[in-house]
C-alpha atoms as a PDB file:
ATOM      1  CA  MET A   1      18.526-117.723 -95.667  1.00  0.00           C
ATOM      2  CA  SER A   2      18.169-113.910 -95.447  1.00  0.00           C
ATOM      3  CA  SER A   3      21.366-112.017 -94.154  1.00  0.00           C
ATOM      4  CA  SER A   4      19.137-110.548 -91.639  1.00  0.00           C
ATOM      5  CA  CYS A   5      19.299-113.697 -89.412  1.00  0.00           C
ATOM      6  CA  ASP A   6      23.040-114.312 -90.077  1.00  0.00           C
ATOM      7  CA  ALA A   7      24.302-112.633 -86.946  1.00  0.00           C
ATOM      8  CA  ILE A   8      21.900-114.575 -84.610  1.00  0.00           C
ATOM      9  CA  LEU A   9      22.629-117.920 -86.298  1.00  0.00           C
ATOM     10  CA  ARG A  10      26.620-117.488 -86.034  1.00  0.00           C
ATOM     11  CA  ALA A  11      25.969-116.594 -82.301  1.00  0.00           C
ATOM     12  CA  LEU A  12      23.992-119.782 -81.766  1.00  0.00           C
ATOM     13  CA  LYS A  13      26.497-121.848 -83.520  1.00  0.00           C
ATOM     14  CA  GLU A  14      29.368-120.504 -81.407  1.00  0.00           C
ATOM     15  CA  CYS A  15      27.437-120.752 -78.137  1.00  0.00           C
ATOM     16  CA  LEU A  16      26.393-124.487 -79.280  1.00  0.00           C
ATOM     17  CA  LEU A  17      30.250-125.228 -79.870  1.00  0.00           C
ATOM     18  CA  ASN A  18      31.020-123.796 -76.370  1.00  0.00           C
ATOM     19  CA  SER A  19      28.452-125.512 -74.597  1.00  0.00           C
ATOM     20  CA  ASP A  20      29.064-128.547 -72.080  1.00  0.00           C
ATOM     21  CA  CYS A  21      26.894-130.748 -74.285  1.00  0.00           C
ATOM     22  CA  VAL A  22      29.308-130.393 -77.114  1.00  0.00           C
ATOM     23  CA  GLN A  23      32.596-129.986 -75.215  1.00  0.00           C
ATOM     24  CA  LYS A  24      32.270-132.415 -72.318  1.00  0.00           C
ATOM     25  CA  GLN A  25      29.571-134.827 -73.366  1.00  0.00           C
ATOM     26  CA  GLY A  26      30.819-135.061 -77.068  1.00  0.00           C
ATOM     27  CA  HIS A  27      27.339-134.530 -78.646  1.00  0.00           C
ATOM     28  CA  LEU A  28      27.067-133.076 -81.978  1.00  0.00           C
ATOM     29  CA  PRO A  29      25.624-129.417 -81.969  1.00  0.00           C
ATOM     30  CA  SER A  30      22.535-130.739 -84.005  1.00  0.00           C
ATOM     31  CA  GLU A  31      22.026-133.424 -81.351  1.00  0.00           C
ATOM     32  CA  CYS A  32      22.087-130.883 -78.496  1.00  0.00           C
ATOM     33  CA  LEU A  33      19.600-128.855 -80.150  1.00  0.00           C
ATOM     34  CA  LYS A  34      17.089-131.802 -80.855  1.00  0.00           C
ATOM     35  CA  GLN A  35      17.667-133.773 -77.996  1.00  0.00           C
ATOM     36  CA  HIS A  36      19.225-132.087 -75.100  1.00  0.00           C
ATOM     37  CA  SER A  37      17.999-128.676 -75.604  1.00  0.00           C
ATOM     38  CA  ASN A  38      16.935-128.483 -71.841  1.00  0.00           C
ATOM     39  CA  GLU A  39      20.628-129.102 -70.952  1.00  0.00           C
ATOM     40  CA  LEU A  40      21.867-126.080 -72.811  1.00  0.00           C
ATOM     41  CA  PRO A  41      23.024-122.949 -71.219  1.00  0.00           C
ATOM     42  CA  GLU A  42      20.200-120.142 -70.897  1.00  0.00           C
ATOM     43  CA  GLN A  43      22.116-117.956 -73.520  1.00  0.00           C
ATOM     44  CA  CYS A  44      21.889-120.835 -76.064  1.00  0.00           C
ATOM     45  CA  GLN A  45      18.290-121.289 -75.387  1.00  0.00           C
ATOM     46  CA  LEU A  46      17.627-117.561 -75.929  1.00  0.00           C
ATOM     47  CA  LEU A  47      19.377-117.432 -79.083  1.00  0.00           C
ATOM     48  CA  ARG A  48      17.539-120.618 -80.250  1.00  0.00           C
ATOM     49  CA  LYS A  49      14.279-118.892 -79.634  1.00  0.00           C
ATOM     50  CA  SER A  50      15.582-115.625 -81.398  1.00  0.00           C
ATOM     51  CA  THR A  51      16.768-117.767 -84.323  1.00  0.00           C
ATOM     52  CA  PHE A  52      13.096-119.221 -84.504  1.00  0.00           C
ATOM     53  CA  GLU A  53      11.632-115.741 -84.192  1.00  0.00           C
ATOM     54  CA  CYS A  54      13.851-114.286 -86.996  1.00  0.00           C
ATOM     55  CA  LYS A  55      13.056-117.101 -89.422  1.00  0.00           C
ATOM     56  CA  ARG A  56       9.341-116.835 -88.670  1.00  0.00           C
ATOM     57  CA  ASN A  57       9.395-113.181 -89.198  1.00  0.00           C
ATOM     58  CA  MET A  58      11.012-113.791 -92.583  1.00  0.00           C
ATOM     59  CA  LEU A  59       7.556-115.657 -93.821  1.00  0.00           C
ATOM     60  CA  ASP A  60       5.359-112.976 -92.051  1.00  0.00           C
ATOM     61  CA  MET A  61       4.174-110.481 -94.837  1.00  0.00           C
ATOM     62  CA  ARG A  62       3.836-107.511 -92.301  1.00  0.00           C
ATOM     63  CA  THR A  63       7.422-108.062 -91.027  1.00  0.00           C
ATOM     64  CA  ARG A  64       8.970-108.419 -94.455  1.00  0.00           C
ATOM     65  CA  PHE A  65       7.419-105.160 -95.404  1.00  0.00           C
ATOM     66  CA  ARG A  66       8.630-103.406 -92.288  1.00  0.00           C
ATOM     67  CA  GLY A  67      12.038-105.347 -91.875  1.00  0.00           C
ATOM     68  CA  ASN A  68      13.053-107.961 -89.692  1.00  0.00           C
ATOM     69  CA  THR A  69      13.792-106.204 -86.468  1.00  0.00           C
ATOM     70  CA  VAL A  70      15.021-109.580 -84.645  1.00  0.00           C
ATOM     71  CA  GLY A  71      17.853-109.955 -87.028  1.00  0.00           C
ATOM     72  CA  MET A  72      18.498-106.324 -87.271  1.00  0.00           C
ATOM     73  CA  ASP A  73      19.013-106.014 -83.486  1.00  0.00           C
ATOM     74  CA  ALA A  74      21.468-108.834 -83.428  1.00  0.00           C
ATOM     75  CA  GLU A  75      23.520-107.185 -86.036  1.00  0.00           C
ATOM     76  CA  LYS A  76      23.621-103.974 -83.992  1.00  0.00           C
ATOM     77  CA  LEU A  77      24.621-105.902 -80.979  1.00  0.00           C
ATOM     78  CA  ARG A  78      27.409-107.554 -82.842  1.00  0.00           C
ATOM     79  CA  GLN A  79      28.664-104.386 -84.272  1.00  0.00           C
ATOM     80  CA  GLN A  80      28.729-102.856 -80.706  1.00  0.00           C
ATOM     81  CA  LYS A  81      30.674-105.948 -79.528  1.00  0.00           C
ATOM     82  CA  THR A  82      33.590-105.593 -82.114  1.00  0.00           C
ATOM     83  CA  PRO A  83      35.588-102.655 -81.783  1.00  0.00           C
ATOM     84  CA  ALA A  84      36.038-100.211 -84.752  1.00  0.00           C
ATOM     85  CA  PRO A  85      39.389-100.611 -86.697  1.00  0.00           C
ATOM     86  CA  PRO A  86      41.796 -97.853 -85.920  1.00  0.00           C
ATOM     87  CA  ALA A  87      41.851 -95.165 -88.410  1.00  0.00           C
ATOM     88  CA  GLU A  88      44.880 -94.993 -90.498  1.00  0.00           C
ATOM     89  CA  SER A  89      47.134 -91.758 -90.276  1.00  0.00           C
END
């Protein structure tokens, strides 16, 4: 898969692993996505949709030419969340 979707995919995996479907009910993350998607938190549902959009945009020739903005936005958000390492003196 393209690296433009990696940030969204990582966020979706983390969200699924922290969801009640996996933590309390003991389902596998794949089961939660396929069979219990309506029970997932809203954040996971939005990440699932974003992952779909990102993968779909990889196949769209117009988007491939312009660049995958869905994945790039997620990467920018991830960079904003992680603090920059302190500069060495």
